[in-house]
Full PDB file with SEQRES, HELIX, SHEET, SSBOND, CRYST1, ORIGX, SCALE, CONECT and MASTER records, all heavy atoms in Angstrom:
SEQRES   1 A   34  ARG GLU ARG PRO TRP PRO ARG THR LEU THR SER ALA ALA          
SEQRES   2 A   34  LEU LEU ALA ILE VAL ALA ALA ASP SER VAL TYR ARG SER          
SEQRES   3 A   34  MET ALA LEU ASP ARG LEU LEU SER                              
HELIX    1 AA1 TRP A    5  LEU A   33  1                                  29    
CRYST1    1.000    1.000    1.000  90.00  90.00  90.00 P 1           1          
ORIGX1      1.000000  0.000000  0.000000        0.00000                         
ORIGX2      0.000000  1.000000  0.000000        0.00000                         
ORIGX3      0.000000  0.000000  1.000000        0.00000                         
SCALE1      1.000000  0.000000  0.000000        0.00000                         
SCALE2      0.000000  1.000000  0.000000        0.00000                         
SCALE3      0.000000  0.000000  1.000000        0.00000                         
ATOM      1  N   ARG A   1    -209.883   2.284  90.638  1.00  0.00           N  
ATOM      2  CA  ARG A   1    -208.954   2.588  89.555  1.00  0.00           C  
ATOM      3  C   ARG A   1    -208.180   3.878  89.820  1.00  0.00           C  
ATOM      4  O   ARG A   1    -207.181   4.138  89.185  1.00  0.00           O  
ATOM      5  CB  ARG A   1    -209.707   2.711  88.233  1.00  0.00           C  
ATOM      6  CG  ARG A   1    -210.366   1.401  87.815  1.00  0.00           C  
ATOM      7  CD  ARG A   1    -211.045   1.541  86.474  1.00  0.00           C  
ATOM      8  NE  ARG A   1    -211.722   0.303  86.101  1.00  0.00           N  
ATOM      9  CZ  ARG A   1    -212.425   0.147  84.983  1.00  0.00           C  
ATOM     10  NH1 ARG A   1    -212.539   1.160  84.133  1.00  0.00           N  
ATOM     11  NH2 ARG A   1    -213.009  -0.989  84.725  1.00  0.00           N  
ATOM     12  N   GLU A   2    -208.696   4.725  90.727  1.00  0.00           N  
ATOM     13  CA  GLU A   2    -208.022   5.970  91.028  1.00  0.00           C  
ATOM     14  C   GLU A   2    -206.813   5.737  91.924  1.00  0.00           C  
ATOM     15  O   GLU A   2    -205.871   6.529  91.954  1.00  0.00           O  
ATOM     16  CB  GLU A   2    -208.987   6.944  91.714  1.00  0.00           C  
ATOM     17  CG  GLU A   2    -210.050   7.520  90.797  1.00  0.00           C  
ATOM     18  CD  GLU A   2    -211.125   6.476  90.468  1.00  0.00           C  
ATOM     19  OE1 GLU A   2    -211.332   5.559  91.307  1.00  0.00           O  
ATOM     20  OE2 GLU A   2    -211.723   6.566  89.390  1.00  0.00           O  
ATOM     21  N   ARG A   3    -206.837   4.661  92.678  1.00  0.00           N  
ATOM     22  CA  ARG A   3    -205.748   4.376  93.608  1.00  0.00           C  
ATOM     23  C   ARG A   3    -205.188   2.991  93.281  1.00  0.00           C  
ATOM     24  O   ARG A   3    -205.609   1.992  93.861  1.00  0.00           O  
ATOM     25  CB  ARG A   3    -206.246   4.436  95.050  1.00  0.00           C  
ATOM     26  CG  ARG A   3    -206.829   5.803  95.422  1.00  0.00           C  
ATOM     27  CD  ARG A   3    -207.407   5.764  96.822  1.00  0.00           C  
ATOM     28  NE  ARG A   3    -206.385   5.412  97.798  1.00  0.00           N  
ATOM     29  CZ  ARG A   3    -206.645   4.959  99.026  1.00  0.00           C  
ATOM     30  NH1 ARG A   3    -207.906   4.783  99.408  1.00  0.00           N  
ATOM     31  NH2 ARG A   3    -205.662   4.682  99.856  1.00  0.00           N  
ATOM     32  N   PRO A   4    -204.240   2.920  92.350  1.00  0.00           N  
ATOM     33  CA  PRO A   4    -203.759   1.619  91.899  1.00  0.00           C  
ATOM     34  C   PRO A   4    -202.831   0.915  92.887  1.00  0.00           C  
ATOM     35  O   PRO A   4    -202.678  -0.298  92.823  1.00  0.00           O  
ATOM     36  CB  PRO A   4    -202.994   1.948  90.608  1.00  0.00           C  
ATOM     37  CG  PRO A   4    -202.552   3.365  90.807  1.00  0.00           C  
ATOM     38  CD  PRO A   4    -203.633   4.036  91.592  1.00  0.00           C  
ATOM     39  N   TRP A   5    -202.182   1.681  93.802  1.00  0.00           N  
ATOM     40  CA  TRP A   5    -201.192   1.044  94.656  1.00  0.00           C  
ATOM     41  C   TRP A   5    -201.759   0.019  95.627  1.00  0.00           C  
ATOM     42  O   TRP A   5    -201.072  -0.963  95.957  1.00  0.00           O  
ATOM     43  CB  TRP A   5    -200.387   2.103  95.415  1.00  0.00           C  
ATOM     44  CG  TRP A   5    -199.362   2.716  94.517  1.00  0.00           C  
ATOM     45  CD1 TRP A   5    -199.419   3.939  93.912  1.00  0.00           C  
ATOM     46  CD2 TRP A   5    -198.154   2.103  94.081  1.00  0.00           C  
ATOM     47  NE1 TRP A   5    -198.320   4.134  93.117  1.00  0.00           N  
ATOM     48  CE2 TRP A   5    -197.512   3.032  93.201  1.00  0.00           C  
ATOM     49  CE3 TRP A   5    -197.535   0.877  94.332  1.00  0.00           C  
ATOM     50  CZ2 TRP A   5    -196.305   2.751  92.590  1.00  0.00           C  
ATOM     51  CZ3 TRP A   5    -196.322   0.616  93.730  1.00  0.00           C  
ATOM     52  CH2 TRP A   5    -195.720   1.543  92.878  1.00  0.00           C  
ATOM     53  N   PRO A   6    -202.993   0.168  96.116  1.00  0.00           N  
ATOM     54  CA  PRO A   6    -203.541  -0.914  96.951  1.00  0.00           C  
ATOM     55  C   PRO A   6    -203.554  -2.267  96.246  1.00  0.00           C  
ATOM     56  O   PRO A   6    -203.335  -3.298  96.888  1.00  0.00           O  
ATOM     57  CB  PRO A   6    -204.969  -0.429  97.264  1.00  0.00           C  
ATOM     58  CG  PRO A   6    -204.865   1.055  97.232  1.00  0.00           C  
ATOM     59  CD  PRO A   6    -203.887   1.357  96.140  1.00  0.00           C  
ATOM     60  N   ARG A   7    -203.772  -2.245  94.949  1.00  0.00           N  
ATOM     61  CA  ARG A   7    -203.744  -3.511  94.218  1.00  0.00           C  
ATOM     62  C   ARG A   7    -202.337  -4.117  94.223  1.00  0.00           C  
ATOM     63  O   ARG A   7    -202.182  -5.331  94.378  1.00  0.00           O  
ATOM     64  CB  ARG A   7    -204.215  -3.299  92.777  1.00  0.00           C  
ATOM     65  CG  ARG A   7    -204.107  -4.557  91.919  1.00  0.00           C  
ATOM     66  CD  ARG A   7    -204.823  -4.411  90.609  1.00  0.00           C  
ATOM     67  NE  ARG A   7    -204.679  -5.641  89.806  1.00  0.00           N  
ATOM     68  CZ  ARG A   7    -205.424  -5.905  88.748  1.00  0.00           C  
ATOM     69  NH1 ARG A   7    -206.361  -5.058  88.369  1.00  0.00           N  
ATOM     70  NH2 ARG A   7    -205.226  -7.015  88.080  1.00  0.00           N  
ATOM     71  N   THR A   8    -201.330  -3.270  94.058  1.00  0.00           N  
ATOM     72  CA  THR A   8    -199.949  -3.767  94.081  1.00  0.00           C  
ATOM     73  C   THR A   8    -199.611  -4.367  95.435  1.00  0.00           C  
ATOM     74  O   THR A   8    -199.002  -5.442  95.523  1.00  0.00           O  
ATOM     75  CB  THR A   8    -198.979  -2.622  93.751  1.00  0.00           C  
ATOM     76  OG1 THR A   8    -199.292  -2.114  92.452  1.00  0.00           O  
ATOM     77  CG2 THR A   8    -197.544  -3.115  93.764  1.00  0.00           C  
ATOM     78  N   LEU A   9    -200.004  -3.676  96.491  1.00  0.00           N  
ATOM     79  CA  LEU A   9    -199.725  -4.175  97.843  1.00  0.00           C  
ATOM     80  C   LEU A   9    -200.486  -5.456  98.118  1.00  0.00           C  
ATOM     81  O   LEU A   9    -199.947  -6.391  98.745  1.00  0.00           O  
ATOM     82  CB  LEU A   9    -200.073  -3.105  98.879  1.00  0.00           C  
ATOM     83  CG  LEU A   9    -199.239  -1.821  98.813  1.00  0.00           C  
ATOM     84  CD1 LEU A   9    -199.765  -0.784  99.814  1.00  0.00           C  
ATOM     85  CD2 LEU A   9    -197.772  -2.121  99.079  1.00  0.00           C  
ATOM     86  N   THR A  10    -201.730  -5.522  97.652  1.00  0.00           N  
ATOM     87  CA  THR A  10    -202.518  -6.746  97.832  1.00  0.00           C  
ATOM     88  C   THR A  10    -201.895  -7.892  97.055  1.00  0.00           C  
ATOM     89  O   THR A  10    -201.810  -9.021  97.548  1.00  0.00           O  
ATOM     90  CB  THR A  10    -203.968  -6.522  97.366  1.00  0.00           C  
ATOM     91  OG1 THR A  10    -204.530  -5.423  98.086  1.00  0.00           O  
ATOM     92  CG2 THR A  10    -204.806  -7.759  97.599  1.00  0.00           C  
ATOM     93  N   SER A  11    -201.440  -7.622  95.836  1.00  0.00           N  
ATOM     94  CA  SER A  11    -200.761  -8.649  95.036  1.00  0.00           C  
ATOM     95  C   SER A  11    -199.527  -9.172  95.764  1.00  0.00           C  
ATOM     96  O   SER A  11    -199.261 -10.373  95.802  1.00  0.00           O  
ATOM     97  CB  SER A  11    -200.363  -8.091  93.672  1.00  0.00           C  
ATOM     98  OG  SER A  11    -201.496  -7.748  92.912  1.00  0.00           O  
ATOM     99  N   ALA A  12    -198.758  -8.238  96.347  1.00  0.00           N  
ATOM    100  CA  ALA A  12    -197.543  -8.636  97.064  1.00  0.00           C  
ATOM    101  C   ALA A  12    -197.879  -9.524  98.256  1.00  0.00           C  
ATOM    102  O   ALA A  12    -197.170 -10.515  98.524  1.00  0.00           O  
ATOM    103  CB  ALA A  12    -196.776  -7.403  97.516  1.00  0.00           C  
ATOM    104  N   ALA A  13    -198.953  -9.178  98.973  1.00  0.00           N  
ATOM    105  CA  ALA A  13    -199.340  -9.982 100.138  1.00  0.00           C  
ATOM    106  C   ALA A  13    -199.791 -11.376  99.707  1.00  0.00           C  
ATOM    107  O   ALA A  13    -199.403 -12.385 100.331  1.00  0.00           O  
ATOM    108  CB  ALA A  13    -200.458  -9.275 100.905  1.00  0.00           C  
ATOM    109  N   LEU A  14    -200.600 -11.449  98.656  1.00  0.00           N  
ATOM    110  CA  LEU A  14    -201.052 -12.749  98.168  1.00  0.00           C  
ATOM    111  C   LEU A  14    -199.882 -13.564  97.628  1.00  0.00           C  
ATOM    112  O   LEU A  14    -199.802 -14.780  97.822  1.00  0.00           O  
ATOM    113  CB  LEU A  14    -202.110 -12.551  97.080  1.00  0.00           C  
ATOM    114  CG  LEU A  14    -203.445 -11.962  97.544  1.00  0.00           C  
ATOM    115  CD1 LEU A  14    -204.356 -11.700  96.332  1.00  0.00           C  
ATOM    116  CD2 LEU A  14    -204.152 -12.895  98.527  1.00  0.00           C  
ATOM    117  N   LEU A  15    -198.959 -12.880  96.937  1.00  0.00           N  
ATOM    118  CA  LEU A  15    -197.778 -13.566  96.423  1.00  0.00           C  
ATOM    119  C   LEU A  15    -196.966 -14.170  97.559  1.00  0.00           C  
ATOM    120  O   LEU A  15    -196.490 -15.306  97.462  1.00  0.00           O  
ATOM    121  CB  LEU A  15    -196.913 -12.570  95.638  1.00  0.00           C  
ATOM    122  CG  LEU A  15    -195.529 -13.055  95.192  1.00  0.00           C  
ATOM    123  CD1 LEU A  15    -195.643 -14.248  94.255  1.00  0.00           C  
ATOM    124  CD2 LEU A  15    -194.763 -11.910  94.516  1.00  0.00           C  
ATOM    125  N   ALA A  16    -196.818 -13.423  98.646  1.00  0.00           N  
ATOM    126  CA  ALA A  16    -196.056 -13.925  99.792  1.00  0.00           C  
ATOM    127  C   ALA A  16    -196.691 -15.185 100.364  1.00  0.00           C  
ATOM    128  O   ALA A  16    -195.995 -16.133 100.732  1.00  0.00           O  
ATOM    129  CB  ALA A  16    -195.956 -12.839 100.864  1.00  0.00           C  
ATOM    130  N   ILE A  17    -198.011 -15.217 100.422  1.00  0.00           N  
ATOM    131  CA  ILE A  17    -198.716 -16.386 100.951  1.00  0.00           C  
ATOM    132  C   ILE A  17    -198.508 -17.591 100.038  1.00  0.00           C  
ATOM    133  O   ILE A  17    -198.203 -18.696 100.489  1.00  0.00           O  
ATOM    134  CB  ILE A  17    -200.216 -16.077 101.115  1.00  0.00           C  
ATOM    135  CG1 ILE A  17    -200.425 -15.016 102.199  1.00  0.00           C  
ATOM    136  CG2 ILE A  17    -201.000 -17.343 101.434  1.00  0.00           C  
ATOM    137  CD1 ILE A  17    -201.847 -14.491 102.279  1.00  0.00           C  
ATOM    138  N   VAL A  18    -198.677 -17.368  98.737  1.00  0.00           N  
ATOM    139  CA  VAL A  18    -198.566 -18.470  97.776  1.00  0.00           C  
ATOM    140  C   VAL A  18    -197.142 -19.012  97.716  1.00  0.00           C  
ATOM    141  O   VAL A  18    -196.926 -20.229  97.608  1.00  0.00           O  
ATOM    142  CB  VAL A  18    -199.017 -17.991  96.377  1.00  0.00           C  
ATOM    143  CG1 VAL A  18    -198.691 -19.030  95.313  1.00  0.00           C  
ATOM    144  CG2 VAL A  18    -200.521 -17.692  96.387  1.00  0.00           C  
ATOM    145  N   ALA A  19    -196.153 -18.117  97.818  1.00  0.00           N  
ATOM    146  CA  ALA A  19    -194.761 -18.522  97.617  1.00  0.00           C  
ATOM    147  C   ALA A  19    -194.054 -18.951  98.891  1.00  0.00           C  
ATOM    148  O   ALA A  19    -192.951 -19.509  98.821  1.00  0.00           O  
ATOM    149  CB  ALA A  19    -193.981 -17.369  96.978  1.00  0.00           C  
ATOM    150  N   ALA A  20    -194.640 -18.711 100.058  1.00  0.00           N  
ATOM    151  CA  ALA A  20    -193.927 -18.872 101.335  1.00  0.00           C  
ATOM    152  C   ALA A  20    -193.308 -20.249 101.501  1.00  0.00           C  
ATOM    153  O   ALA A  20    -192.128 -20.378 101.875  1.00  0.00           O  
ATOM    154  CB  ALA A  20    -194.877 -18.562 102.497  1.00  0.00           C  
ATOM    155  N   ASP A  21    -194.063 -21.299 101.244  1.00  0.00           N  
ATOM    156  CA  ASP A  21    -193.552 -22.654 101.463  1.00  0.00           C  
ATOM    157  C   ASP A  21    -192.378 -22.948 100.530  1.00  0.00           C  
ATOM    158  O   ASP A  21    -191.357 -23.510 100.957  1.00  0.00           O  
ATOM    159  CB  ASP A  21    -194.673 -23.681 101.252  1.00  0.00           C  
ATOM    160  CG  ASP A  21    -194.201 -25.096 101.539  1.00  0.00           C  
ATOM    161  OD1 ASP A  21    -193.573 -25.314 102.587  1.00  0.00           O  
ATOM    162  OD2 ASP A  21    -194.456 -25.985 100.708  1.00  0.00           O  
ATOM    163  N   SER A  22    -192.499 -22.574  99.265  1.00  0.00           N  
ATOM    164  CA  SER A  22    -191.409 -22.802  98.322  1.00  0.00           C  
ATOM    165  C   SER A  22    -190.159 -22.020  98.716  1.00  0.00           C  
ATOM    166  O   SER A  22    -189.039 -22.532  98.637  1.00  0.00           O  
ATOM    167  CB  SER A  22    -191.836 -22.409  96.902  1.00  0.00           C  
ATOM    168  OG  SER A  22    -192.294 -23.537  96.169  1.00  0.00           O  
ATOM    169  N   VAL A  23    -190.331 -20.775  99.144  1.00  0.00           N  
ATOM    170  CA  VAL A  23    -189.190 -19.962  99.548  1.00  0.00           C  
ATOM    171  C   VAL A  23    -188.473 -20.613 100.727  1.00  0.00           C  
ATOM    172  O   VAL A  23    -187.244 -20.754 100.733  1.00  0.00           O  
ATOM    173  CB  VAL A  23    -189.632 -18.535  99.919  1.00  0.00           C  
ATOM    174  CG1 VAL A  23    -188.483 -17.754 100.557  1.00  0.00           C  
ATOM    175  CG2 VAL A  23    -190.130 -17.792  98.686  1.00  0.00           C  
ATOM    176  N   TYR A  24    -189.241 -21.013 101.721  1.00  0.00           N  
ATOM    177  CA  TYR A  24    -188.654 -21.602 102.931  1.00  0.00           C  
ATOM    178  C   TYR A  24    -187.877 -22.873 102.598  1.00  0.00           C  
ATOM    179  O   TYR A  24    -186.722 -23.038 103.011  1.00  0.00           O  
ATOM    180  CB  TYR A  24    -189.760 -21.905 103.943  1.00  0.00           C  
ATOM    181  CG  TYR A  24    -189.255 -22.673 105.144  1.00  0.00           C  
ATOM    182  CD1 TYR A  24    -188.532 -22.021 106.150  1.00  0.00           C  
ATOM    183  CD2 TYR A  24    -189.476 -24.032 105.269  1.00  0.00           C  
ATOM    184  CE1 TYR A  24    -188.049 -22.722 107.244  1.00  0.00           C  
ATOM    185  CE2 TYR A  24    -189.001 -24.743 106.356  1.00  0.00           C  
ATOM    186  CZ  TYR A  24    -188.298 -24.078 107.345  1.00  0.00           C  
ATOM    187  OH  TYR A  24    -187.808 -24.777 108.414  1.00  0.00           O  
ATOM    188  N   ARG A  25    -188.492 -23.768 101.825  1.00  0.00           N  
ATOM    189  CA  ARG A  25    -187.825 -25.044 101.544  1.00  0.00           C  
ATOM    190  C   ARG A  25    -186.681 -24.877 100.547  1.00  0.00           C  
ATOM    191  O   ARG A  25    -185.699 -25.610 100.604  1.00  0.00           O  
ATOM    192  CB  ARG A  25    -188.840 -26.076 101.057  1.00  0.00           C  
ATOM    193  CG  ARG A  25    -189.703 -26.596 102.216  1.00  0.00           C  
ATOM    194  CD  ARG A  25    -190.589 -27.763 101.858  1.00  0.00           C  
ATOM    195  NE  ARG A  25    -191.604 -27.387 100.903  1.00  0.00           N  
ATOM    196  CZ  ARG A  25    -191.767 -27.948  99.716  1.00  0.00           C  
ATOM    197  NH1 ARG A  25    -190.948 -28.906  99.315  1.00  0.00           N  
ATOM    198  NH2 ARG A  25    -192.737 -27.560  98.917  1.00  0.00           N  
ATOM    199  N   SER A  26    -186.786 -23.936  99.627  1.00  0.00           N  
ATOM    200  CA  SER A  26    -185.668 -23.679  98.709  1.00  0.00           C  
ATOM    201  C   SER A  26    -184.448 -23.190  99.458  1.00  0.00           C  
ATOM    202  O   SER A  26    -183.311 -23.634  99.203  1.00  0.00           O  
ATOM    203  CB  SER A  26    -186.077 -22.654  97.644  1.00  0.00           C  
ATOM    204  OG  SER A  26    -187.060 -23.183  96.779  1.00  0.00           O  
ATOM    205  N   MET A  27    -184.646 -22.297 100.416  1.00  0.00           N  
ATOM    206  CA  MET A  27    -183.520 -21.798 101.196  1.00  0.00           C  
ATOM    207  C   MET A  27    -182.963 -22.886 102.117  1.00  0.00           C  
ATOM    208  O   MET A  27    -181.743 -23.011 102.282  1.00  0.00           O  
ATOM    209  CB  MET A  27    -183.949 -20.575 102.002  1.00  0.00           C  
ATOM    210  CG  MET A  27    -184.291 -19.377 101.133  1.00  0.00           C  
ATOM    211  SD  MET A  27    -184.691 -17.890 102.088  1.00  0.00           S  
ATOM    212  CE  MET A  27    -183.112 -17.535 102.833  1.00  0.00           C  
ATOM    213  N   ALA A  28    -183.859 -23.696 102.682  1.00  0.00           N  
ATOM    214  CA  ALA A  28    -183.395 -24.796 103.532  1.00  0.00           C  
ATOM    215  C   ALA A  28    -182.609 -25.815 102.717  1.00  0.00           C  
ATOM    216  O   ALA A  28    -181.590 -26.346 103.180  1.00  0.00           O  
ATOM    217  CB  ALA A  28    -184.600 -25.459 104.210  1.00  0.00           C  
ATOM    218  N   LEU A  29    -183.061 -26.081 101.511  1.00  0.00           N  
ATOM    219  CA  LEU A  29    -182.343 -26.977 100.612  1.00  0.00           C  
ATOM    220  C   LEU A  29    -180.944 -26.439 100.327  1.00  0.00           C  
ATOM    221  O   LEU A  29    -179.948 -27.176 100.421  1.00  0.00           O  
ATOM    222  CB  LEU A  29    -183.110 -27.134  99.308  1.00  0.00           C  
ATOM    223  CG  LEU A  29    -182.355 -27.807  98.152  1.00  0.00           C  
ATOM    224  CD1 LEU A  29    -182.300 -29.309  98.363  1.00  0.00           C  
ATOM    225  CD2 LEU A  29    -182.979 -27.465  96.803  1.00  0.00           C  
ATOM    226  N   ASP A  30    -180.842 -25.168  99.980  1.00  0.00           N  
ATOM    227  CA  ASP A  30    -179.552 -24.582  99.648  1.00  0.00           C  
ATOM    228  C   ASP A  30    -178.600 -24.620 100.841  1.00  0.00           C  
ATOM    229  O   ASP A  30    -177.401 -24.887 100.686  1.00  0.00           O  
ATOM    230  CB  ASP A  30    -179.732 -23.142  99.160  1.00  0.00           C  
ATOM    231  CG  ASP A  30    -180.293 -23.079  97.746  1.00  0.00           C  
ATOM    232  OD1 ASP A  30    -180.275 -24.105  97.060  1.00  0.00           O  
ATOM    233  OD2 ASP A  30    -180.748 -21.990  97.338  1.00  0.00           O  
ATOM    234  N   ARG A  31    -179.115 -24.327 102.019  1.00  0.00           N  
ATOM    235  CA  ARG A  31    -178.268 -24.389 103.212  1.00  0.00           C  
ATOM    236  C   ARG A  31    -177.739 -25.803 103.420  1.00  0.00           C  
ATOM    237  O   ARG A  31    -176.551 -25.991 103.750  1.00  0.00           O  
ATOM    238  CB  ARG A  31    -179.050 -23.933 104.444  1.00  0.00           C  
ATOM    239  CG  ARG A  31    -179.230 -22.433 104.563  1.00  0.00           C  
ATOM    240  CD  ARG A  31    -179.671 -22.037 105.960  1.00  0.00           C  
ATOM    241  NE  ARG A  31    -180.970 -22.599 106.292  1.00  0.00           N  
ATOM    242  CZ  ARG A  31    -182.130 -21.992 106.094  1.00  0.00           C  
ATOM    243  NH1 ARG A  31    -182.144 -20.781 105.553  1.00  0.00           N  
ATOM    244  NH2 ARG A  31    -183.266 -22.564 106.424  1.00  0.00           N  
ATOM    245  N   LEU A  32    -178.592 -26.798 103.220  1.00  0.00           N  
ATOM    246  CA  LEU A  32    -178.168 -28.185 103.412  1.00  0.00           C  
ATOM    247  C   LEU A  32    -177.136 -28.584 102.359  1.00  0.00           C  
ATOM    248  O   LEU A  32    -176.118 -29.203 102.676  1.00  0.00           O  
ATOM    249  CB  LEU A  32    -179.383 -29.112 103.353  1.00  0.00           C  
ATOM    250  CG  LEU A  32    -179.123 -30.582 103.677  1.00  0.00           C  
ATOM    251  CD1 LEU A  32    -178.625 -30.742 105.107  1.00  0.00           C  
ATOM    252  CD2 LEU A  32    -180.383 -31.409 103.459  1.00  0.00           C  
ATOM    253  N   LEU A  33    -177.392 -28.242 101.102  1.00  0.00           N  
ATOM    254  CA  LEU A  33    -176.467 -28.626 100.030  1.00  0.00           C  
ATOM    255  C   LEU A  33    -175.114 -27.952 100.162  1.00  0.00           C  
ATOM    256  O   LEU A  33    -174.116 -28.465  99.632  1.00  0.00           O  
ATOM    257  CB  LEU A  33    -177.078 -28.283  98.666  1.00  0.00           C  
ATOM    258  CG  LEU A  33    -178.302 -29.090  98.228  1.00  0.00           C  
ATOM    259  CD1 LEU A  33    -178.770 -28.636  96.853  1.00  0.00           C  
ATOM    260  CD2 LEU A  33    -178.020 -30.586  98.230  1.00  0.00           C  
ATOM    261  N   SER A  34    -175.054 -26.839 100.849  1.00  0.00           N  
ATOM    262  CA  SER A  34    -173.774 -26.142 101.012  1.00  0.00           C  
ATOM    263  C   SER A  34    -172.892 -26.770 102.097  1.00  0.00           C  
ATOM    264  O   SER A  34    -171.721 -26.389 102.232  1.00  0.00           O  
ATOM    265  CB  SER A  34    -174.016 -24.661 101.336  1.00  0.00           C  
ATOM    266  OG  SER A  34    -174.655 -24.524 102.601  1.00  0.00           O  
TER     267      SER A  34                                                      
MASTER        0    0    0    1    0    0    0    6  266    1    0    3          
END                                                                             
């Protein structure tokens, strides 16, 4: 609790893992639709 920033960084890393596939395919979709 004294060092809250490691939690933020860990959250960001986990978020990147969870969101990676959606981000990749969303961008690929947009490129194709354009």
